[in-house]
Amino acid sequence: MGSGSTRPNNADDKMFAAIERGDQGDFKDRKPSKVIDKTLIKEKAARTEKAQEKTEALRALRLAAEAEKESKKSKAK
């Protein structure tokens, strides 16, 4: 088993090796540059906020139902 020194180590070497093999379309960088899509970030934030509001509303309903159950229970005694 070899040390692997003949294998390309960085993205440029890998790209050149892919070009030599003739498969240019298949080459993809492991760490592509980040493209920041602000609309996607805003939509995700809006979805999480909406989910949190639903959770808070359901929690309030549950607590109110529990309080009502306790008050009925104490009146029955």
C-alpha atoms as a PDB file:
ATOM      1  CA  MET A   1       0.000   0.000   0.000  1.00  0.00           C
ATOM      2  CA  GLY A   2       1.319   3.375  -0.946  1.00  0.00           C
ATOM      3  CA  SER A   3       1.402   6.544   1.006  1.00  0.00           C
ATOM      4  CA  GLY A   4      -1.099   8.195  -1.307  1.00  0.00           C
ATOM      5  CA  SER A   5       1.339  10.903  -2.341  1.00  0.00           C
ATOM      6  CA  THR A   6       0.315  10.591  -5.994  1.00  0.00           C
ATOM      7  CA  ARG A   7      -3.292  11.510  -5.242  1.00  0.00           C
ATOM      8  CA  PRO A   8      -4.341  15.157  -5.633  1.00  0.00           C
ATOM      9  CA  ASN A   9      -4.563  16.900  -2.279  1.00  0.00           C
ATOM     10  CA  ASN A  10      -6.252  20.223  -2.891  1.00  0.00           C
ATOM     11  CA  ALA A  11      -9.184  21.412  -5.006  1.00  0.00           C
ATOM     12  CA  ASP A  12      -6.988  22.710  -7.829  1.00  0.00           C
ATOM     13  CA  ASP A  13      -5.109  19.432  -8.151  1.00  0.00           C
ATOM     14  CA  LYS A  14      -8.372  17.523  -8.110  1.00  0.00           C
ATOM     15  CA  MET A  15      -9.832  19.787 -10.783  1.00  0.00           C
ATOM     16  CA  PHE A  16      -6.767  19.349 -13.021  1.00  0.00           C
ATOM     17  CA  ALA A  17      -6.901  15.582 -12.517  1.00  0.00           C
ATOM     18  CA  ALA A  18     -10.590  15.594 -13.470  1.00  0.00           C
ATOM     19  CA  ILE A  19      -9.832  17.644 -16.586  1.00  0.00           C
ATOM     20  CA  GLU A  20      -7.104  15.191 -17.582  1.00  0.00           C
ATOM     21  CA  ARG A  21      -9.528  12.297 -17.136  1.00  0.00           C
ATOM     22  CA  GLY A  22     -12.056  14.158 -19.269  1.00  0.00           C
ATOM     23  CA  ASP A  23     -14.866  14.393 -16.737  1.00  0.00           C
ATOM     24  CA  GLN A  24     -15.021  18.123 -16.163  1.00  0.00           C
ATOM     25  CA  GLY A  25     -18.734  18.169 -15.420  1.00  0.00           C
ATOM     26  CA  ASP A  26     -18.377  15.725 -12.535  1.00  0.00           C
ATOM     27  CA  PHE A  27     -15.904  17.807 -10.525  1.00  0.00           C
ATOM     28  CA  LYS A  28     -17.334  19.484  -7.435  1.00  0.00           C
ATOM     29  CA  ASP A  29     -15.420  21.363  -4.791  1.00  0.00           C
ATOM     30  CA  ARG A  30     -15.790  19.935  -1.279  1.00  0.00           C
ATOM     31  CA  LYS A  31     -16.216  23.343   0.272  1.00  0.00           C
ATOM     32  CA  PRO A  32     -18.042  25.580  -2.210  1.00  0.00           C
ATOM     33  CA  SER A  33     -18.414  29.249  -1.389  1.00  0.00           C
ATOM     34  CA  LYS A  34     -21.491  30.110   0.604  1.00  0.00           C
ATOM     35  CA  VAL A  35     -24.287  31.895  -1.214  1.00  0.00           C
ATOM     36  CA  ILE A  36     -26.418  33.784   1.251  1.00  0.00           C
ATOM     37  CA  ASP A  37     -30.076  33.917   0.245  1.00  0.00           C
ATOM     38  CA  LYS A  38     -31.665  36.471   2.561  1.00  0.00           C
ATOM     39  CA  THR A  39     -35.216  35.719   1.444  1.00  0.00           C
ATOM     40  CA  LEU A  40     -34.782  32.074   2.424  1.00  0.00           C
ATOM     41  CA  ILE A  41     -33.419  33.109   5.835  1.00  0.00           C
ATOM     42  CA  LYS A  42     -36.367  35.479   6.371  1.00  0.00           C
ATOM     43  CA  GLU A  43     -38.881  32.801   5.365  1.00  0.00           C
ATOM     44  CA  LYS A  44     -37.314  30.312   7.765  1.00  0.00           C
ATOM     45  CA  ALA A  45     -37.381  32.863  10.599  1.00  0.00           C
ATOM     46  CA  ALA A  46     -41.049  33.597   9.875  1.00  0.00           C
ATOM     47  CA  ARG A  47     -41.887  29.879   9.920  1.00  0.00           C
ATOM     48  CA  THR A  48     -40.140  29.343  13.253  1.00  0.00           C
ATOM     49  CA  GLU A  49     -41.849  32.397  14.746  1.00  0.00           C
ATOM     50  CA  LYS A  50     -45.244  31.127  13.589  1.00  0.00           C
ATOM     51  CA  ALA A  51     -44.541  27.699  15.067  1.00  0.00           C
ATOM     52  CA  GLN A  52     -43.515  29.277  18.376  1.00  0.00           C
ATOM     53  CA  GLU A  53     -46.727  31.310  18.464  1.00  0.00           C
ATOM     54  CA  LYS A  54     -48.785  28.150  17.865  1.00  0.00           C
ATOM     55  CA  THR A  55     -46.892  26.359  20.618  1.00  0.00           C
ATOM     56  CA  GLU A  56     -47.493  29.224  23.052  1.00  0.00           C
ATOM     57  CA  ALA A  57     -51.213  29.301  22.205  1.00  0.00           C
ATOM     58  CA  LEU A  58     -51.539  25.550  22.715  1.00  0.00           C
ATOM     59  CA  ARG A  59     -49.661  25.764  26.004  1.00  0.00           C
ATOM     60  CA  ALA A  60     -52.000  28.514  27.197  1.00  0.00           C
ATOM     61  CA  LEU A  61     -55.028  26.403  26.246  1.00  0.00           C
ATOM     62  CA  ARG A  62     -53.631  23.378  28.050  1.00  0.00           C
ATOM     63  CA  LEU A  63     -52.897  25.373  31.186  1.00  0.00           C
ATOM     64  CA  ALA A  64     -56.376  26.917  31.116  1.00  0.00           C
ATOM     65  CA  ALA A  65     -57.944  23.477  30.720  1.00  0.00           C
ATOM     66  CA  GLU A  66     -55.900  22.125  33.625  1.00  0.00           C
ATOM     67  CA  ALA A  67     -56.868  25.092  35.811  1.00  0.00           C
ATOM     68  CA  GLU A  68     -60.535  24.615  34.923  1.00  0.00           C
ATOM     69  CA  LYS A  69     -60.297  20.916  35.723  1.00  0.00           C
ATOM     70  CA  GLU A  70     -58.731  21.690  39.114  1.00  0.00           C
ATOM     71  CA  SER A  71     -61.407  24.289  39.927  1.00  0.00           C
ATOM     72  CA  LYS A  72     -64.192  21.822  39.049  1.00  0.00           C
ATOM     73  CA  LYS A  73     -62.452  19.161  41.092  1.00  0.00           C
ATOM     74  CA  SER A  74     -62.191  21.435  44.146  1.00  0.00           C
ATOM     75  CA  LYS A  75     -65.866  22.505  43.834  1.00  0.00           C
ATOM     76  CA  ALA A  76     -66.966  18.865  43.708  1.00  0.00           C
ATOM     77  CA  LYS A  77     -65.381  18.150  47.102  1.00  0.00           C
END
